[in-house]
Each structure stands twice: as structure tokens, then as C-alpha cells.
PDB file of N, CA and C in Angstrom:
ATOM      1  N   UNK A   1      13.404  13.016 -24.409  1.00  0.00           N
ATOM      2  CA  UNK A   1      12.468  12.771 -23.046  1.00  0.00           C
ATOM      3  C   UNK A   1      11.144  12.330 -23.165  1.00  0.00           C
ATOM      4  N   UNK A   2      10.942  11.576 -21.779  1.00  0.00           N
ATOM      5  CA  UNK A   2       9.277  10.808 -21.864  1.00  0.00           C
ATOM      6  C   UNK A   2       8.315  12.261 -21.409  1.00  0.00           C
ATOM      7  N   UNK A   3       7.623  11.909 -21.869  1.00  0.00           N
ATOM      8  CA  UNK A   3       6.429  13.110 -21.821  1.00  0.00           C
ATOM      9  C   UNK A   3       5.253  12.598 -20.867  1.00  0.00           C
ATOM     10  N   UNK A   4       3.813  12.872 -20.734  1.00  0.00           N
ATOM     11  CA  UNK A   4       3.154  12.506 -19.614  1.00  0.00           C
ATOM     12  C   UNK A   4       2.198  11.682 -20.217  1.00  0.00           C
ATOM     13  N   UNK A   5       2.708  11.955 -21.826  1.00  0.00           N
ATOM     14  CA  UNK A   5       1.548  11.042 -22.592  1.00  0.00           C
ATOM     15  C   UNK A   5       2.202   9.535 -22.620  1.00  0.00           C
ATOM     16  N   UNK A   6       3.750   9.521 -22.777  1.00  0.00           N
ATOM     17  CA  UNK A   6       4.103   8.094 -22.603  1.00  0.00           C
ATOM     18  C   UNK A   6       4.406   7.148 -21.180  1.00  0.00           C
ATOM     19  N   UNK A   7       3.988   7.778 -20.339  1.00  0.00           N
ATOM     20  CA  UNK A   7       3.889   7.207 -18.822  1.00  0.00           C
ATOM     21  C   UNK A   7       2.722   7.019 -18.614  1.00  0.00           C
ATOM     22  N   UNK A   8       1.384   7.098 -18.824  1.00  0.00           N
ATOM     23  CA  UNK A   8       0.259   6.493 -18.857  1.00  0.00           C
ATOM     24  C   UNK A   8       0.113   5.499 -19.378  1.00  0.00           C
ATOM     25  N   UNK A   9      -0.538   4.557 -18.347  1.00  0.00           N
ATOM     26  CA  UNK A   9      -0.950   3.157 -18.638  1.00  0.00           C
ATOM     27  C   UNK A   9      -2.074   3.092 -18.720  1.00  0.00           C
ATOM     28  N   UNK A  10      -2.778   2.101 -19.499  1.00  0.00           N
ATOM     29  CA  UNK A  10      -4.133   1.561 -19.323  1.00  0.00           C
ATOM     30  C   UNK A  10      -4.765   1.033 -18.285  1.00  0.00           C
ATOM     31  N   UNK A  11      -6.176   1.362 -17.570  1.00  0.00           N
ATOM     32  CA  UNK A  11      -6.193   0.514 -16.245  1.00  0.00           C
ATOM     33  C   UNK A  11      -6.378  -1.064 -16.580  1.00  0.00           C
ATOM     34  N   UNK A  12      -6.039  -1.435 -15.419  1.00  0.00           N
ATOM     35  CA  UNK A  12      -5.788  -2.903 -15.614  1.00  0.00           C
ATOM     36  C   UNK A  12      -7.541  -3.350 -15.363  1.00  0.00           C
ATOM     37  N   UNK A  13      -7.508  -4.530 -16.336  1.00  0.00           N
ATOM     38  CA  UNK A  13      -8.873  -5.061 -16.392  1.00  0.00           C
ATOM     39  C   UNK A  13      -8.814  -6.642 -15.554  1.00  0.00           C
ATOM     40  N   UNK A  14      -7.896  -6.990 -15.187  1.00  0.00           N
ATOM     41  CA  UNK A  14      -7.597  -8.235 -14.716  1.00  0.00           C
ATOM     42  C   UNK A  14      -6.858  -8.501 -13.733  1.00  0.00           C
ATOM     43  N   UNK A  15      -6.789  -9.696 -12.591  1.00  0.00           N
ATOM     44  CA  UNK A  15      -5.463  -9.446 -11.995  1.00  0.00           C
ATOM     45  C   UNK A  15      -5.993  -9.112 -10.358  1.00  0.00           C
ATOM     46  N   UNK A  16      -5.175  -9.527  -9.511  1.00  0.00           N
ATOM     47  CA  UNK A  16      -5.525  -9.475  -8.018  1.00  0.00           C
ATOM     48  C   UNK A  16      -5.873  -7.595  -8.056  1.00  0.00           C
ATOM     49  N   UNK A  17      -4.510  -7.175  -8.553  1.00  0.00           N
ATOM     50  CA  UNK A  17      -4.602  -5.720  -8.406  1.00  0.00           C
ATOM     51  C   UNK A  17      -6.054  -4.989  -9.087  1.00  0.00           C
ATOM     52  N   UNK A  18      -6.993  -5.516  -9.458  1.00  0.00           N
ATOM     53  CA  UNK A  18      -7.991  -4.762  -9.788  1.00  0.00           C
ATOM     54  C   UNK A  18      -9.420  -4.928  -9.021  1.00  0.00           C
ATOM     55  N   UNK A  19      -9.250  -6.128  -8.268  1.00  0.00           N
ATOM     56  CA  UNK A  19     -10.050  -6.344  -7.030  1.00  0.00           C
ATOM     57  C   UNK A  19      -9.931  -5.874  -5.711  1.00  0.00           C
ATOM     58  N   UNK A  20     -10.681  -4.946  -5.127  1.00  0.00           N
ATOM     59  CA  UNK A  20     -10.704  -4.402  -4.064  1.00  0.00           C
ATOM     60  C   UNK A  20     -11.577  -4.697  -2.906  1.00  0.00           C
ATOM     61  N   UNK A  21     -11.420  -4.648  -1.629  1.00  0.00           N
ATOM     62  CA  UNK A  21     -12.704  -5.015  -0.852  1.00  0.00           C
ATOM     63  C   UNK A  21     -13.309  -3.949  -0.753  1.00  0.00           C
ATOM     64  N   UNK A  22     -14.767  -3.936  -0.591  1.00  0.00           N
ATOM     65  CA  UNK A  22     -15.846  -2.810  -0.778  1.00  0.00           C
ATOM     66  C   UNK A  22     -15.451  -2.267   0.515  1.00  0.00           C
ATOM     67  N   UNK A  23     -15.343  -2.461   1.779  1.00  0.00           N
ATOM     68  CA  UNK A  23     -15.046  -1.985   3.099  1.00  0.00           C
ATOM     69  C   UNK A  23     -14.029  -1.159   3.503  1.00  0.00           C
ATOM     70  N   UNK A  24     -13.018  -2.023   3.116  1.00  0.00           N
ATOM     71  CA  UNK A  24     -11.461  -1.356   3.591  1.00  0.00           C
ATOM     72  C   UNK A  24     -10.717  -1.053   2.847  1.00  0.00           C
ATOM     73  N   UNK A  25     -10.796  -1.561   1.206  1.00  0.00           N
ATOM     74  CA  UNK A  25      -9.859  -1.155  -0.216  1.00  0.00           C
ATOM     75  C   UNK A  25      -8.662  -2.021  -0.069  1.00  0.00           C
ATOM     76  N   UNK A  26      -8.414  -2.717   0.481  1.00  0.00           N
ATOM     77  CA  UNK A  26      -7.587  -4.002   0.687  1.00  0.00           C
ATOM     78  C   UNK A  26      -7.257  -4.723  -0.486  1.00  0.00           C
ATOM     79  N   UNK A  27      -6.095  -5.353  -1.411  1.00  0.00           N
ATOM     80  CA  UNK A  27      -6.183  -6.235  -2.205  1.00  0.00           C
ATOM     81  C   UNK A  27      -5.953  -7.729  -1.989  1.00  0.00           C
ATOM     82  N   UNK A  28      -5.691  -7.643  -0.685  1.00  0.00           N
ATOM     83  CA  UNK A  28      -5.415  -8.955   0.032  1.00  0.00           C
ATOM     84  C   UNK A  28      -6.733  -9.870   0.597  1.00  0.00           C
ATOM     85  N   UNK A  29      -6.645 -11.040   0.118  1.00  0.00           N
ATOM     86  CA  UNK A  29      -7.365 -12.449   0.515  1.00  0.00           C
ATOM     87  C   UNK A  29      -8.629 -11.999   0.599  1.00  0.00           C
ATOM     88  N   UNK A  30      -9.073 -11.243  -0.792  1.00  0.00           N
ATOM     89  CA  UNK A  30     -10.729 -10.757  -1.578  1.00  0.00           C
ATOM     90  C   UNK A  30     -11.544 -12.397  -1.507  1.00  0.00           C
ATOM     91  N   UNK A  31     -12.763 -12.287  -0.691  1.00  0.00           N
ATOM     92  CA  UNK A  31     -13.527 -13.425  -0.932  1.00  0.00           C
ATOM     93  C   UNK A  31     -14.381 -13.294  -1.874  1.00  0.00           C
ATOM     94  N   UNK A  32     -14.601 -13.738  -2.990  1.00  0.00           N
ATOM     95  CA  UNK A  32     -15.364 -13.111  -4.057  1.00  0.00           C
ATOM     96  C   UNK A  32     -16.738 -14.261  -4.573  1.00  0.00           C
ATOM     97  N   UNK A  33     -17.048 -15.384  -3.639  1.00  0.00           N
ATOM     98  CA  UNK A  33     -17.914 -16.000  -3.718  1.00  0.00           C
ATOM     99  C   UNK A  33     -19.286 -15.223  -3.124  1.00  0.00           C
ATOM    100  N   UNK A  34     -20.423 -15.553  -4.034  1.00  0.00           N
ATOM    101  CA  UNK A  34     -21.936 -14.841  -3.562  1.00  0.00           C
ATOM    102  C   UNK A  34     -21.391 -13.286  -4.047  1.00  0.00           C
ATOM    103  N   UNK A  35     -20.332 -13.085  -4.769  1.00  0.00           N
ATOM    104  CA  UNK A  35     -20.008 -11.343  -5.081  1.00  0.00           C
ATOM    105  C   UNK A  35     -19.903 -10.747  -3.871  1.00  0.00           C
ATOM    106  N   UNK A  36     -19.209 -11.004  -2.767  1.00  0.00           N
ATOM    107  CA  UNK A  36     -18.895 -10.211  -1.979  1.00  0.00           C
ATOM    108  C   UNK A  36     -18.066  -9.237  -2.172  1.00  0.00           C
ATOM    109  N   UNK A  37     -17.111  -9.487  -2.669  1.00  0.00           N
ATOM    110  CA  UNK A  37     -15.866  -8.839  -2.781  1.00  0.00           C
ATOM    111  C   UNK A  37     -15.239  -8.143  -1.402  1.00  0.00           C
ATOM    112  N   UNK A  38     -15.153  -8.844  -0.364  1.00  0.00           N
ATOM    113  CA  UNK A  38     -14.392  -8.575   0.692  1.00  0.00           C
ATOM    114  C   UNK A  38     -13.603  -9.100   1.387  1.00  0.00           C
ATOM    115  N   UNK A  39     -12.717  -8.314   1.757  1.00  0.00           N
ATOM    116  CA  UNK A  39     -11.381  -8.999   2.379  1.00  0.00           C
ATOM    117  C   UNK A  39     -12.027 -10.215   3.448  1.00  0.00           C
ATOM    118  N   UNK A  40     -11.011 -11.411   3.838  1.00  0.00           N
ATOM    119  CA  UNK A  40     -11.736 -11.709   5.004  1.00  0.00           C
ATOM    120  C   UNK A  40     -11.626 -11.245   6.189  1.00  0.00           C
ATOM    121  N   UNK A  41     -10.874 -10.154   6.287  1.00  0.00           N
ATOM    122  CA  UNK A  41     -10.941  -9.665   7.831  1.00  0.00           C
ATOM    123  C   UNK A  41     -12.170  -9.089   8.141  1.00  0.00           C
ATOM    124  N   UNK A  42     -12.433  -8.089   6.815  1.00  0.00           N
ATOM    125  CA  UNK A  42     -13.962  -7.654   7.115  1.00  0.00           C
ATOM    126  C   UNK A  42     -15.327  -8.482   7.181  1.00  0.00           C
ATOM    127  N   UNK A  43     -15.086  -9.716   6.405  1.00  0.00           N
ATOM    128  CA  UNK A  43     -15.945 -10.511   6.442  1.00  0.00           C
ATOM    129  C   UNK A  43     -16.116 -11.380   7.610  1.00  0.00           C
ATOM    130  N   UNK A  44     -15.179 -11.411   8.642  1.00  0.00           N
ATOM    131  CA  UNK A  44     -15.111 -12.093  10.079  1.00  0.00           C
ATOM    132  C   UNK A  44     -16.142 -11.119  10.272  1.00  0.00           C
ATOM    133  N   UNK A  45     -16.023  -9.743  10.477  1.00  0.00           N
ATOM    134  CA  UNK A  45     -16.544  -8.524  11.356  1.00  0.00           C
ATOM    135  C   UNK A  45     -18.231  -8.634  10.945  1.00  0.00           C
ATOM    136  N   UNK A  46     -18.196  -8.876   9.744  1.00  0.00           N
ATOM    137  CA  UNK A  46     -20.167  -8.571   9.313  1.00  0.00           C
ATOM    138  C   UNK A  46     -20.681  -9.932   8.539  1.00  0.00           C
ATOM    139  N   UNK A  47     -20.339 -11.283   8.964  1.00  0.00           N
ATOM    140  CA  UNK A  47     -20.599 -12.230   8.668  1.00  0.00           C
ATOM    141  C   UNK A  47     -22.022 -12.702   8.962  1.00  0.00           C
ATOM    142  N   UNK A  48     -22.498 -12.155  10.538  1.00  0.00           N
ATOM    143  CA  UNK A  48     -23.851 -12.586  10.772  1.00  0.00           C
ATOM    144  C   UNK A  48     -24.705 -11.701  10.043  1.00  0.00           C
ATOM    145  N   UNK A  49     -24.314 -10.374   9.976  1.00  0.00           N
ATOM    146  CA  UNK A  49     -25.341  -9.290   9.738  1.00  0.00           C
ATOM    147  C   UNK A  49     -25.892  -9.741   8.372  1.00  0.00           C
ATOM    148  N   UNK A  50     -24.881 -10.409   7.457  1.00  0.00           N
ATOM    149  CA  UNK A  50     -25.062 -10.525   6.301  1.00  0.00           C
ATOM    150  C   UNK A  50     -25.668 -11.988   5.922  1.00  0.00           C
ATOM    151  N   UNK A  51     -26.121 -13.011   7.113  1.00  0.00           N
ATOM    152  CA  UNK A  51     -26.631 -14.045   7.307  1.00  0.00           C
ATOM    153  C   UNK A  51     -26.040 -15.103   7.188  1.00  0.00           C
ATOM    154  N   UNK A  52     -24.681 -14.988   7.629  1.00  0.00           N
ATOM    155  CA  UNK A  52     -23.984 -16.563   7.678  1.00  0.00           C
ATOM    156  C   UNK A  52     -23.925 -16.694   9.064  1.00  0.00           C
ATOM    157  N   UNK A  53     -23.570 -17.758   9.275  1.00  0.00           N
ATOM    158  CA  UNK A  53     -23.836 -18.720  10.647  1.00  0.00           C
ATOM    159  C   UNK A  53     -22.337 -19.291  10.622  1.00  0.00           C
ATOM    160  N   UNK A  54     -21.710 -19.212  11.630  1.00  0.00           N
ATOM    161  CA  UNK A  54     -21.107 -20.125  11.808  1.00  0.00           C
ATOM    162  C   UNK A  54     -21.166 -21.622  12.925  1.00  0.00           C
ATOM    163  N   UNK A  55     -20.682 -22.386  12.023  1.00  0.00           N
ATOM    164  CA  UNK A  55     -20.874 -23.886  12.436  1.00  0.00           C
ATOM    165  C   UNK A  55     -19.451 -24.354  13.482  1.00  0.00           C
ATOM    166  N   UNK A  56     -20.282 -25.319  14.251  1.00  0.00           N
ATOM    167  CA  UNK A  56     -18.976 -25.983  15.341  1.00  0.00           C
ATOM    168  C   UNK A  56     -18.515 -27.027  14.930  1.00  0.00           C
TER     169      UNK A  56
END
């Protein structure tokens, strides 16, 4: 039989599952530029507060 010790795995150190959005916690569509680590949805909501401008 397997014990709890056998089933435990070490934490992920790299890959998509390691990076989460700092605002909502999702793993999808993370923006890592400028060390933002925010998903694109949260970035669109907070971009102006962070100092980004939208060009036309």
C-alpha cells in the first residue's frame, strides 16, 4: 500500500503552473514583462493606475 510519504511531490520550480496572477490567482495569460506577474484581464483593469497609456 502507498503511504502519504509516497504520494507527496516536491513543489514546482518552473513552468506555467508555478506562475500565478498576483491579483486574482489564475495561471492563464500571465504578463511577466516588467515583473508584473498579472493576468491580461487584471492588467487591463489596472493599467492606467500602473502608469501605462493606451495608444490609438
